[in-house]
N, C-alpha and C. Protein backbone atom coordinates (compact mmCIF):
# COMPACT_ATOMS: atom_id res chain seq x y z
N MET A 1 -0.14 86.56 172.77
CA MET A 1 0.44 87.54 171.34
C MET A 1 1.09 87.23 169.96
N THR A 2 0.96 87.40 168.69
CA THR A 2 2.50 86.78 168.14
C THR A 2 2.86 87.75 167.69
N LEU A 3 4.47 87.56 167.62
CA LEU A 3 5.36 88.70 167.09
C LEU A 3 5.36 88.46 165.87
N PRO A 4 5.42 89.89 165.02
CA PRO A 4 6.15 89.70 163.90
C PRO A 4 7.07 89.33 163.06
N PRO A 5 7.59 89.19 161.84
CA PRO A 5 8.26 87.99 161.36
C PRO A 5 9.26 89.24 161.54
N SER A 6 11.00 88.90 161.89
CA SER A 6 12.14 89.68 161.79
C SER A 6 12.76 90.08 161.14
N SER A 7 13.19 91.08 160.80
CA SER A 7 14.20 91.79 159.46
C SER A 7 14.48 90.06 158.97
N PHE A 8 15.51 89.61 159.79
CA PHE A 8 15.47 88.85 158.82
C PHE A 8 14.93 87.84 158.51
N ALA A 9 13.94 87.41 159.48
CA ALA A 9 13.20 86.22 159.00
C ALA A 9 12.21 86.08 157.32
N LEU A 10 12.73 88.12 157.18
CA LEU A 10 11.77 88.16 155.96
C LEU A 10 12.96 88.04 155.01
N ILE A 11 13.78 88.37 155.25
CA ILE A 11 14.74 88.12 154.58
C ILE A 11 15.60 86.81 154.31
N ALA A 12 15.06 85.67 155.45
CA ALA A 12 15.47 84.16 154.78
C ALA A 12 14.37 83.49 154.16
N GLY A 13 13.10 84.10 154.25
CA GLY A 13 12.02 83.48 154.09
C GLY A 13 12.18 83.75 152.13
N THR A 14 12.53 85.11 152.02
CA THR A 14 12.75 85.90 150.94
C THR A 14 13.59 84.61 150.01
N TYR A 15 14.52 84.26 150.73
CA TYR A 15 15.68 84.16 149.74
C TYR A 15 15.52 82.77 149.61
N LEU A 16 14.97 82.37 150.28
CA LEU A 16 14.61 80.44 149.92
C LEU A 16 14.06 79.96 149.09
N GLN A 17 12.41 81.01 149.32
CA GLN A 17 12.17 80.89 148.27
C GLN A 17 12.44 80.85 146.56
N ARG A 18 13.24 81.87 146.74
CA ARG A 18 14.36 82.31 145.52
C ARG A 18 15.16 81.43 145.30
N LEU A 19 15.73 80.78 145.75
CA LEU A 19 15.88 79.90 145.81
C LEU A 19 15.63 78.37 145.13
N GLN A 20 14.61 78.25 145.72
CA GLN A 20 13.44 77.45 145.52
C GLN A 20 12.97 77.34 144.45
N SER A 21 12.46 78.80 143.85
CA SER A 21 12.03 78.84 142.75
C SER A 21 13.33 78.48 141.36
N CYS A 22 14.06 78.85 141.59
CA CYS A 22 15.00 78.21 140.70
C CYS A 22 15.14 76.97 139.90
N PHE A 23 14.52 75.82 140.91
CA PHE A 23 14.83 74.17 139.89
C PHE A 23 13.65 74.13 139.63
N SER A 24 12.88 74.76 137.54
CA SER A 24 11.97 73.98 136.99
C SER A 24 12.47 72.91 136.73
N VAL A 25 11.47 72.90 135.99
CA VAL A 25 11.61 71.80 135.39
C VAL A 25 12.31 71.66 134.13
N GLU A 26 12.67 72.57 133.61
CA GLU A 26 13.65 72.42 132.67
C GLU A 26 15.34 72.26 133.42
N VAL A 27 15.60 72.93 134.37
CA VAL A 27 16.66 72.59 134.95
C VAL A 27 17.24 70.86 135.30
N LEU A 28 15.47 70.58 136.06
CA LEU A 28 16.17 70.17 136.66
C LEU A 28 16.21 68.35 135.94
N ALA A 29 15.61 68.94 134.22
CA ALA A 29 16.34 67.76 133.32
C ALA A 29 17.50 67.72 132.72
N ALA A 30 18.20 68.91 133.08
CA ALA A 30 19.16 68.79 132.46
C ALA A 30 20.12 68.34 134.07
N VAL A 31 19.61 68.43 134.66
CA VAL A 31 20.72 67.87 136.28
C VAL A 31 20.84 66.30 136.09
N GLU A 32 19.37 66.08 136.45
CA GLU A 32 19.44 64.94 135.85
C GLU A 32 20.22 64.02 134.66
N THR A 33 20.02 64.69 133.62
CA THR A 33 21.36 64.54 132.17
C THR A 33 22.86 64.50 132.82
N LEU A 34 23.09 65.49 133.85
CA LEU A 34 24.42 65.04 134.02
C LEU A 34 25.13 63.87 135.09
N ALA A 35 23.66 63.99 136.17
CA ALA A 35 24.03 63.00 136.51
C ALA A 35 24.06 61.26 135.85
N GLU A 36 23.00 61.29 135.22
CA GLU A 36 23.37 60.02 133.91
C GLU A 36 24.34 59.75 133.56
N GLU A 37 25.37 61.05 133.25
CA GLU A 37 26.36 61.08 132.46
C GLU A 37 27.33 60.81 133.64
N LEU A 38 27.24 61.11 134.52
CA LEU A 38 28.40 61.03 135.99
C LEU A 38 28.37 59.24 135.92
N ARG A 39 27.43 59.31 135.94
CA ARG A 39 27.45 57.65 136.96
C ARG A 39 28.49 56.47 135.49
N GLN A 40 27.65 57.00 134.21
CA GLN A 40 28.76 56.48 133.15
C GLN A 40 30.07 56.50 133.17
N ALA A 41 30.42 57.99 133.57
CA ALA A 41 32.10 57.84 133.62
C ALA A 41 32.42 56.90 134.05
N TRP A 42 31.64 57.60 135.89
CA TRP A 42 32.04 56.23 136.63
C TRP A 42 32.38 54.84 136.65
N ILE A 43 30.90 54.48 135.41
CA ILE A 43 31.68 52.89 135.20
C ILE A 43 32.63 52.69 134.10
N ASP A 44 32.58 52.91 133.95
CA ASP A 44 33.60 53.67 132.52
C ASP A 44 35.75 54.19 133.28
N GLY A 45 35.14 54.64 134.40
CA GLY A 45 36.92 55.03 134.59
C GLY A 45 37.19 56.49 133.51
N ARG A 46 35.97 57.54 133.43
CA ARG A 46 36.33 58.36 132.48
C ARG A 46 36.79 59.35 133.65
N ASN A 47 37.76 60.16 132.97
CA ASN A 47 37.71 61.60 134.21
C ASN A 47 36.28 62.58 133.83
N VAL A 48 36.48 63.03 135.52
CA VAL A 48 35.94 64.62 135.45
C VAL A 48 36.67 65.71 136.26
N TYR A 49 36.02 66.53 135.40
CA TYR A 49 37.43 68.30 135.27
C TYR A 49 36.01 68.97 136.70
N ILE A 50 36.07 70.03 136.54
CA ILE A 50 35.81 70.43 137.45
C ILE A 50 36.51 71.99 137.71
N CYS A 51 35.76 73.32 137.39
CA CYS A 51 36.30 74.39 137.45
C CYS A 51 35.44 75.53 137.43
N GLY A 52 35.62 76.66 138.63
CA GLY A 52 35.10 77.66 138.65
C GLY A 52 36.29 78.92 139.07
N ASN A 53 35.27 80.46 139.33
CA ASN A 53 36.55 81.34 140.10
C ASN A 53 35.27 81.82 141.46
N GLY A 54 36.50 82.12 142.77
CA GLY A 54 35.92 82.58 143.80
C GLY A 54 35.52 81.69 144.12
N GLY A 55 34.08 81.46 144.66
CA GLY A 55 33.02 80.36 145.82
C GLY A 55 33.18 79.42 144.61
N SER A 56 32.74 79.81 142.87
CA SER A 56 33.09 78.85 142.71
C SER A 56 34.16 77.77 142.16
N ALA A 57 34.65 78.01 142.24
CA ALA A 57 36.17 77.63 142.80
C ALA A 57 36.26 76.92 144.51
N ALA A 58 35.91 77.29 144.98
CA ALA A 58 36.19 76.57 146.12
C ALA A 58 34.36 75.68 146.10
N ASN A 59 33.64 75.76 145.51
CA ASN A 59 32.50 74.63 145.62
C ASN A 59 33.50 73.47 144.06
N ALA A 60 33.90 73.91 143.34
CA ALA A 60 34.31 72.91 142.75
C ALA A 60 35.50 72.19 143.70
N MET A 61 35.91 72.61 144.83
CA MET A 61 36.35 71.21 145.38
C MET A 61 35.46 70.65 146.60
N HIS A 62 34.68 71.47 147.32
CA HIS A 62 34.07 70.82 147.41
C HIS A 62 33.24 69.27 146.57
N LEU A 63 32.53 69.84 145.58
CA LEU A 63 32.33 69.08 144.64
C LEU A 63 32.74 67.49 144.35
N ALA A 64 34.03 68.14 143.94
CA ALA A 64 35.35 66.99 143.75
C ALA A 64 35.46 66.43 145.12
N ASN A 65 35.17 66.40 145.95
CA ASN A 65 35.25 65.59 147.46
C ASN A 65 34.31 64.81 147.59
N ASP A 66 32.94 65.41 146.86
CA ASP A 66 32.05 64.91 146.79
C ASP A 66 32.04 63.14 146.40
N PHE A 67 32.59 63.53 144.70
CA PHE A 67 32.19 62.52 143.92
C PHE A 67 33.51 61.95 143.95
N HIS A 68 34.78 62.08 144.29
CA HIS A 68 35.48 60.73 144.71
C HIS A 68 35.50 60.38 145.67
N TYR A 69 35.05 61.17 147.11
CA TYR A 69 34.68 60.01 147.81
C TYR A 69 33.32 59.21 148.26
N GLY A 70 32.10 61.00 148.27
CA GLY A 70 31.34 60.46 148.98
C GLY A 70 30.18 58.64 148.19
N ILE A 71 30.06 59.53 147.11
CA ILE A 71 29.24 58.81 146.18
C ILE A 71 29.62 57.66 146.62
N GLY A 72 30.84 56.48 146.83
CA GLY A 72 31.27 55.22 146.84
C GLY A 72 31.00 55.02 148.30
N ALA A 73 31.34 56.08 149.22
CA ALA A 73 31.38 55.61 150.27
C ALA A 73 29.19 55.45 151.34
N CYS A 74 29.08 56.30 150.34
CA CYS A 74 27.66 56.88 151.30
C CYS A 74 26.58 56.24 150.98
N GLY A 75 25.31 55.80 150.98
CA GLY A 75 23.66 55.32 150.67
C GLY A 75 23.84 53.97 150.20
N PRO A 76 23.43 53.15 150.56
CA PRO A 76 23.05 51.95 150.39
C PRO A 76 23.93 50.65 149.52
N GLY A 77 24.34 49.75 149.77
CA GLY A 77 25.61 48.77 149.11
C GLY A 77 26.40 48.66 149.55
N PRO A 78 27.19 48.20 149.07
CA PRO A 78 28.62 48.01 149.31
C PRO A 78 29.15 49.51 148.84
N SER A 79 30.22 49.81 149.74
CA SER A 79 31.36 50.97 150.22
C SER A 79 31.95 50.92 148.41
N LEU A 80 32.22 51.79 147.44
CA LEU A 80 32.76 51.35 146.47
C LEU A 80 33.83 52.67 146.24
N PRO A 81 34.68 52.83 145.26
CA PRO A 81 35.78 53.57 144.76
C PRO A 81 34.94 54.99 143.56
N GLY A 82 35.15 56.01 144.19
CA GLY A 82 34.22 57.09 143.88
C GLY A 82 34.55 57.41 142.15
N LEU A 83 34.58 58.31 141.65
CA LEU A 83 34.40 59.62 140.19
C LEU A 83 36.54 59.31 140.22
N ARG A 84 36.82 59.43 139.22
CA ARG A 84 37.94 60.07 139.05
C ARG A 84 38.09 61.36 138.25
N VAL A 85 38.08 62.48 139.81
CA VAL A 85 37.33 63.59 139.91
C VAL A 85 38.98 64.76 140.13
N GLU A 86 38.53 65.74 139.64
CA GLU A 86 39.97 66.61 139.46
C GLU A 86 39.14 67.76 139.71
N ALA A 87 39.25 68.85 140.86
CA ALA A 87 38.70 70.46 140.03
C ALA A 87 40.06 70.80 140.35
N LEU A 88 40.30 71.60 139.48
CA LEU A 88 41.46 72.19 138.52
C LEU A 88 41.65 73.65 138.91
N PRO A 89 40.64 74.09 140.02
CA PRO A 89 41.39 74.66 141.13
C PRO A 89 42.05 74.90 142.11
N ALA A 90 42.12 73.18 142.14
CA ALA A 90 42.94 72.65 144.09
C ALA A 90 44.36 72.82 143.94
N ASN A 91 45.29 72.40 142.61
CA ASN A 91 46.67 73.30 142.98
C ASN A 91 46.88 74.44 142.84
N ALA A 92 46.94 75.03 143.73
CA ALA A 92 48.34 76.23 143.80
C ALA A 92 49.00 76.52 143.23
N GLY A 93 50.44 75.51 143.44
CA GLY A 93 51.49 75.37 142.50
C GLY A 93 51.36 75.79 140.87
N ILE A 94 50.48 75.03 139.95
CA ILE A 94 49.71 74.92 138.61
C ILE A 94 49.52 75.87 138.27
N ILE A 95 48.06 76.56 139.75
CA ILE A 95 48.22 77.85 138.99
C ILE A 95 48.67 79.14 139.14
N THR A 96 49.04 79.92 139.83
CA THR A 96 50.16 80.37 140.12
C THR A 96 51.60 80.64 138.66
N CYS A 97 51.92 78.85 138.65
CA CYS A 97 52.49 79.17 137.09
C CYS A 97 51.86 79.56 136.18
N LEU A 98 50.81 78.75 135.74
CA LEU A 98 50.59 79.39 134.60
C LEU A 98 49.68 80.82 134.67
N ALA A 99 49.10 81.00 135.76
CA ALA A 99 48.69 82.65 135.72
C ALA A 99 50.20 83.29 135.80
N ASN A 100 51.13 83.17 136.13
CA ASN A 100 51.69 83.67 135.83
C ASN A 100 52.72 84.01 133.85
N ASP A 101 53.04 82.47 133.58
CA ASP A 101 53.40 82.55 132.48
C ASP A 101 53.11 82.97 131.47
N ILE A 102 51.83 81.97 131.40
CA ILE A 102 50.08 82.03 130.06
C ILE A 102 49.43 82.85 130.27
N GLY A 103 49.27 83.35 131.45
CA GLY A 103 48.36 84.59 131.11
C GLY A 103 47.02 83.50 132.29
N TYR A 104 46.25 84.21 133.73
CA TYR A 104 45.30 83.68 134.07
C TYR A 104 44.02 82.62 133.35
N SER A 105 44.36 84.08 131.89
CA SER A 105 42.66 83.26 131.24
C SER A 105 42.97 81.71 130.70
N ASN A 106 44.33 81.31 131.05
CA ASN A 106 44.28 79.93 130.57
C ASN A 106 44.53 79.16 131.53
N ILE A 107 44.91 80.03 132.82
CA ILE A 107 44.51 78.44 133.87
C ILE A 107 43.68 76.72 133.37
N TYR A 108 42.72 76.96 133.28
CA TYR A 108 42.11 75.97 133.07
C TYR A 108 41.96 75.26 131.70
N ALA A 109 42.39 76.06 130.24
CA ALA A 109 42.32 75.33 129.54
C ALA A 109 43.88 74.20 129.58
N TYR A 110 44.55 75.11 129.93
CA TYR A 110 45.90 73.78 129.31
C TYR A 110 46.30 72.91 130.52
N GLN A 111 45.04 73.34 131.30
CA GLN A 111 45.28 71.78 131.67
C GLN A 111 44.53 70.76 131.43
N LEU A 112 43.64 71.21 131.16
CA LEU A 112 42.52 70.51 129.96
C LEU A 112 43.26 69.65 128.29
N GLN A 113 44.34 70.61 128.38
CA GLN A 113 45.34 70.51 127.10
C GLN A 113 46.15 68.93 127.47
N VAL A 114 46.50 69.27 128.44
CA VAL A 114 47.64 67.65 129.10
C VAL A 114 47.03 67.08 129.45
N LYS A 115 45.65 66.60 130.07
CA LYS A 115 45.15 66.07 131.15
C LYS A 115 43.99 65.87 129.83
N GLY A 116 42.95 65.95 129.44
CA GLY A 116 41.54 65.39 129.15
C GLY A 116 41.98 65.06 127.83
N GLN A 117 40.75 63.77 127.50
CA GLN A 117 40.94 63.19 127.16
C GLN A 117 39.64 62.65 126.08
N PRO A 118 39.10 62.12 124.94
CA PRO A 118 37.66 61.86 124.47
C PRO A 118 36.75 61.38 125.51
N GLY A 119 35.40 61.90 125.64
CA GLY A 119 34.65 61.81 126.76
C GLY A 119 34.51 62.06 128.44
N ASP A 120 35.95 62.69 128.84
CA ASP A 120 36.33 62.72 130.03
C ASP A 120 34.62 63.71 129.75
N LEU A 121 34.40 64.60 131.08
CA LEU A 121 33.49 65.37 131.05
C LEU A 121 34.63 66.14 131.87
N LEU A 122 33.89 67.82 131.91
CA LEU A 122 34.10 68.53 131.83
C LEU A 122 32.71 69.98 132.67
N ILE A 123 32.98 70.44 134.14
CA ILE A 123 31.74 70.97 134.68
C ILE A 123 31.93 72.14 134.47
N VAL A 124 31.76 73.64 134.27
CA VAL A 124 31.71 74.95 135.02
C VAL A 124 30.90 75.22 135.75
N LEU A 125 31.34 76.29 136.50
CA LEU A 125 30.48 76.22 137.82
C LEU A 125 31.07 77.71 137.56
N SER A 126 30.08 79.34 137.10
CA SER A 126 30.42 80.20 136.92
C SER A 126 28.66 81.68 137.02
N GLY A 127 29.07 82.56 137.84
CA GLY A 127 27.75 82.73 138.02
C GLY A 127 27.00 83.76 136.37
N SER A 128 28.63 84.40 136.00
CA SER A 128 27.83 85.48 134.79
C SER A 128 27.80 84.42 133.84
N GLY A 129 29.48 83.60 133.71
CA GLY A 129 28.86 82.25 132.32
C GLY A 129 30.67 83.22 131.03
N ASN A 130 31.11 84.24 132.04
CA ASN A 130 31.70 85.15 130.62
C ASN A 130 33.25 85.85 131.06
N SER A 131 34.16 84.12 132.54
CA SER A 131 35.04 84.53 132.54
C SER A 131 36.07 84.28 131.44
N PRO A 132 36.48 84.83 131.77
CA PRO A 132 37.85 84.07 130.30
C PRO A 132 38.24 82.34 129.97
N ASN A 133 38.84 82.68 131.46
CA ASN A 133 39.75 80.91 131.93
C ASN A 133 38.22 80.11 131.90
N VAL A 134 36.87 80.56 132.49
CA VAL A 134 36.10 79.21 132.20
C VAL A 134 35.46 78.97 130.53
N VAL A 135 35.40 80.56 129.90
CA VAL A 135 34.98 80.50 128.70
C VAL A 135 36.21 78.98 127.83
N LYS A 136 37.22 79.47 128.13
CA LYS A 136 38.64 78.97 127.22
C LYS A 136 38.61 77.30 127.64
N ALA A 137 37.77 77.16 128.54
CA ALA A 137 37.97 75.75 129.49
C ALA A 137 36.61 74.63 128.50
N LEU A 138 36.14 75.64 128.05
CA LEU A 138 34.64 75.11 127.80
C LEU A 138 35.35 74.94 126.70
N GLU A 139 35.20 76.11 125.76
CA GLU A 139 36.16 75.59 123.83
C GLU A 139 37.30 74.40 123.90
N THR A 140 38.15 74.26 125.07
CA THR A 140 39.39 74.13 124.52
C THR A 140 38.27 72.02 125.19
N ALA A 141 38.15 71.61 125.84
CA ALA A 141 37.77 70.80 126.29
C ALA A 141 35.77 70.67 125.40
N ASN A 142 35.74 71.37 124.22
CA ASN A 142 35.03 70.62 123.19
C ASN A 142 35.84 70.43 122.45
N ALA A 143 36.97 71.12 122.06
CA ALA A 143 37.89 70.84 120.62
C ALA A 143 38.89 69.16 121.31
N LEU A 144 38.88 68.92 122.53
CA LEU A 144 39.03 67.50 122.71
C LEU A 144 38.04 66.24 122.62
N GLY A 145 36.93 66.47 122.18
CA GLY A 145 35.95 65.83 122.47
C GLY A 145 35.42 65.28 123.84
N MET A 146 35.44 66.12 124.89
CA MET A 146 35.28 66.08 126.20
C MET A 146 33.51 66.29 126.04
N LYS A 147 32.64 65.62 126.98
CA LYS A 147 31.21 65.94 127.15
C LYS A 147 30.82 67.89 128.05
N THR A 148 30.48 68.13 127.25
CA THR A 148 30.88 69.33 128.12
C THR A 148 29.60 69.96 128.76
N PHE A 149 29.83 70.65 130.38
CA PHE A 149 28.53 70.91 131.05
C PHE A 149 28.96 72.03 131.90
N ALA A 150 27.66 73.13 132.52
CA ALA A 150 28.02 74.52 132.79
C ALA A 150 26.39 74.54 133.90
N ILE A 151 27.03 75.20 134.68
CA ILE A 151 26.31 75.09 136.07
C ILE A 151 26.01 77.13 136.27
N LEU A 152 25.35 77.32 135.69
CA LEU A 152 25.55 78.69 135.29
C LEU A 152 24.18 80.07 136.17
N ALA A 153 24.20 81.04 135.88
CA ALA A 153 22.85 82.41 136.79
C ALA A 153 23.24 83.53 135.90
N TYR A 154 22.33 84.33 135.58
CA TYR A 154 22.70 85.81 135.00
C TYR A 154 22.00 85.73 134.19
N SER A 155 23.04 86.18 132.83
CA SER A 155 22.28 85.56 131.28
C SER A 155 22.62 84.51 131.10
N GLY A 156 24.26 83.45 131.89
CA GLY A 156 24.69 82.31 131.36
C GLY A 156 25.93 83.11 130.73
N GLY A 157 25.36 84.22 129.96
CA GLY A 157 26.70 84.43 129.03
C GLY A 157 27.48 83.91 128.33
N SER A 158 28.83 83.83 127.42
CA SER A 158 29.30 83.05 126.63
C SER A 158 29.28 81.12 126.56
N CYS A 159 28.96 81.11 128.28
CA CYS A 159 29.13 79.75 128.49
C CYS A 159 27.82 78.99 128.37
N ARG A 160 27.29 79.78 128.11
CA ARG A 160 26.02 79.02 128.31
C ARG A 160 25.51 78.89 126.47
N GLU A 161 26.88 79.91 125.48
CA GLU A 161 26.42 79.02 124.36
C GLU A 161 26.78 77.65 123.82
N LEU A 162 28.79 77.51 124.77
CA LEU A 162 29.58 76.60 125.27
C LEU A 162 29.64 75.12 125.14
N ALA A 163 28.51 75.54 126.33
CA ALA A 163 28.63 74.22 127.34
C ALA A 163 27.08 73.40 126.33
N GLN A 164 27.18 72.22 125.95
CA GLN A 164 26.92 70.97 125.49
C GLN A 164 25.41 71.14 126.87
N ILE A 165 25.57 70.94 127.60
CA ILE A 165 24.69 70.43 129.02
C ILE A 165 24.39 71.71 129.16
N PRO A 166 23.98 73.07 129.08
CA PRO A 166 24.04 74.36 130.64
C PRO A 166 22.90 74.28 131.26
N ILE A 167 22.96 73.54 132.44
CA ILE A 167 22.46 73.96 133.92
C ILE A 167 22.43 75.36 134.05
N TYR A 168 21.28 75.79 133.46
CA TYR A 168 20.94 77.39 133.40
C TYR A 168 19.41 77.71 134.34
N PHE A 169 20.34 78.25 135.50
CA PHE A 169 19.75 79.72 136.28
C PHE A 169 18.59 80.88 136.83
N GLN A 170 18.04 81.18 135.72
CA GLN A 170 17.30 82.68 135.94
C GLN A 170 17.42 83.13 137.06
N ILE A 171 18.57 84.26 137.41
CA ILE A 171 18.57 84.29 138.85
C ILE A 171 19.43 85.40 138.69
N ASP A 172 19.51 86.73 139.23
CA ASP A 172 20.30 87.57 139.19
C ASP A 172 21.08 87.74 140.77
N ASP A 173 21.09 86.61 141.52
CA ASP A 173 22.34 87.11 142.36
C ASP A 173 23.22 86.23 142.66
N MET A 174 24.53 86.50 143.59
CA MET A 174 25.39 86.25 143.02
C MET A 174 25.24 84.70 144.51
N GLN A 175 24.97 84.89 145.32
CA GLN A 175 24.67 84.16 145.91
C GLN A 175 23.73 82.74 146.51
N ILE A 176 22.49 83.23 145.93
CA ILE A 176 22.24 82.29 145.33
C ILE A 176 22.19 81.28 144.56
N ALA A 177 23.50 82.05 143.31
CA ALA A 177 23.94 81.48 141.88
C ALA A 177 25.03 80.17 142.52
N GLU A 178 25.35 80.29 143.54
CA GLU A 178 26.89 79.89 144.15
C GLU A 178 25.73 78.42 144.88
N ASP A 179 24.85 78.95 145.42
CA ASP A 179 23.91 78.01 146.27
C ASP A 179 23.89 76.91 145.29
N THR A 180 23.13 77.35 143.86
CA THR A 180 22.42 76.11 143.48
C THR A 180 23.67 75.41 142.64
N GLN A 181 25.20 75.61 142.32
CA GLN A 181 25.86 75.07 142.62
C GLN A 181 26.32 73.73 143.17
N LEU A 182 25.91 73.81 144.55
CA LEU A 182 26.06 72.64 145.93
C LEU A 182 24.28 71.94 145.14
N VAL A 183 23.49 73.13 145.24
CA VAL A 183 22.53 72.06 145.29
C VAL A 183 22.61 70.59 144.47
N VAL A 184 23.10 71.70 142.61
CA VAL A 184 23.05 70.87 141.84
C VAL A 184 23.56 69.66 142.10
N GLY A 185 24.91 69.97 142.12
CA GLY A 185 26.22 68.79 143.20
C GLY A 185 25.59 67.68 144.71
N HIS A 186 24.94 68.46 145.09
CA HIS A 186 24.31 66.96 145.79
C HIS A 186 23.25 66.59 146.42
N LEU A 187 22.55 67.02 144.54
CA LEU A 187 21.26 66.17 143.85
C LEU A 187 21.90 64.60 143.30
N CYS A 188 23.10 65.39 142.58
CA CYS A 188 24.37 64.20 141.88
C CYS A 188 24.42 63.06 142.97
N MET A 189 25.30 63.87 143.62
CA MET A 189 25.98 62.84 144.55
C MET A 189 24.86 62.09 145.47
N GLN A 190 23.65 62.75 146.03
CA GLN A 190 22.79 61.60 146.51
C GLN A 190 22.14 60.42 145.47
N TRP A 191 21.83 60.83 144.30
CA TRP A 191 21.02 59.74 143.49
C TRP A 191 22.26 59.33 142.91
N LEU A 192 23.49 58.88 142.70
CA LEU A 192 24.83 58.40 142.67
C LEU A 192 24.85 57.59 143.57
N SER A 193 25.21 58.00 144.84
CA SER A 193 25.04 56.91 145.58
C SER A 193 24.12 55.94 145.75
N SER A 194 23.15 56.59 146.05
CA SER A 194 21.65 55.30 145.63
C SER A 194 21.79 54.73 144.20
N ASN A 195 21.87 54.95 143.49
CA ASN A 195 22.34 54.32 142.67
C ASN A 195 23.70 53.51 141.76
N LYS A 196 24.25 52.60 142.89
CA LYS A 196 25.69 52.21 142.23
C LYS A 196 25.93 51.18 141.14
N PRO A 197 26.66 51.29 140.39
CA PRO A 197 27.24 50.56 139.63
C PRO A 197 26.97 49.61 140.40
N THR A 198 26.54 47.93 139.79
CA THR A 198 27.19 47.22 140.01
C THR A 198 28.51 46.22 139.39
N GLU A 199 29.03 47.15 138.57
CA GLU A 199 30.40 47.24 138.51
C GLU A 199 31.35 48.15 138.03
N LEU A 200 32.65 47.90 138.24
CA LEU A 200 33.02 49.40 137.74
C LEU A 200 34.21 48.54 136.70
N ARG A 201 34.49 49.38 135.22
CA ARG A 201 35.75 48.42 134.42
C ARG A 201 36.95 48.81 134.96
N PRO A 202 38.05 48.17 135.04
CA PRO A 202 39.03 48.36 135.16
C PRO A 202 39.28 50.09 134.04
N LEU A 203 40.49 50.89 135.42
CA LEU A 203 41.06 52.04 135.62
C LEU A 203 41.21 52.11 133.55
N ARG A 204 41.66 53.35 133.27
CA ARG A 204 42.62 52.38 131.99
C ARG A 204 44.08 53.55 131.95
């Protein structure tokens, strides 16, 4: 006798189907563009910055680790130094200083004003795409001549209009939205570790 699926199995199956269905041909094309830009930044020694709030902030730190170490250490071929990458939410001292002195909406924009250079990459992670601090981060990065990406869900918000390359998932679910951020990062990581540059330019 076959038992009917449990309520957990039903929920899990629905959840995983919804996650998989988010990855349309258009989304994967945008992810491929991000992967290619990351590889070129790796070759050129340009900087990559990642930011977000809440779970997205934690995902920014996770992906920074993958891009800093994992892409060069994993995969075929010799081990290489990874990307010059920084998760902007990672330094609690800087975050609390800026939030206290100039407002929470400026915690990422000010860091980019100090560190960002033309050609550097910014990757924003956001469910709504409307949090003022990531909106300002994109505005600042665009003004500095950086290349800007945003991984978004729900309506995509203001970030969908501001990012030069939005990676937009049509899903109204914050947990799936946060999962898509890691899946995008891990897709890029595995492709990068399988397509390591043959030569890295000296760091500027």
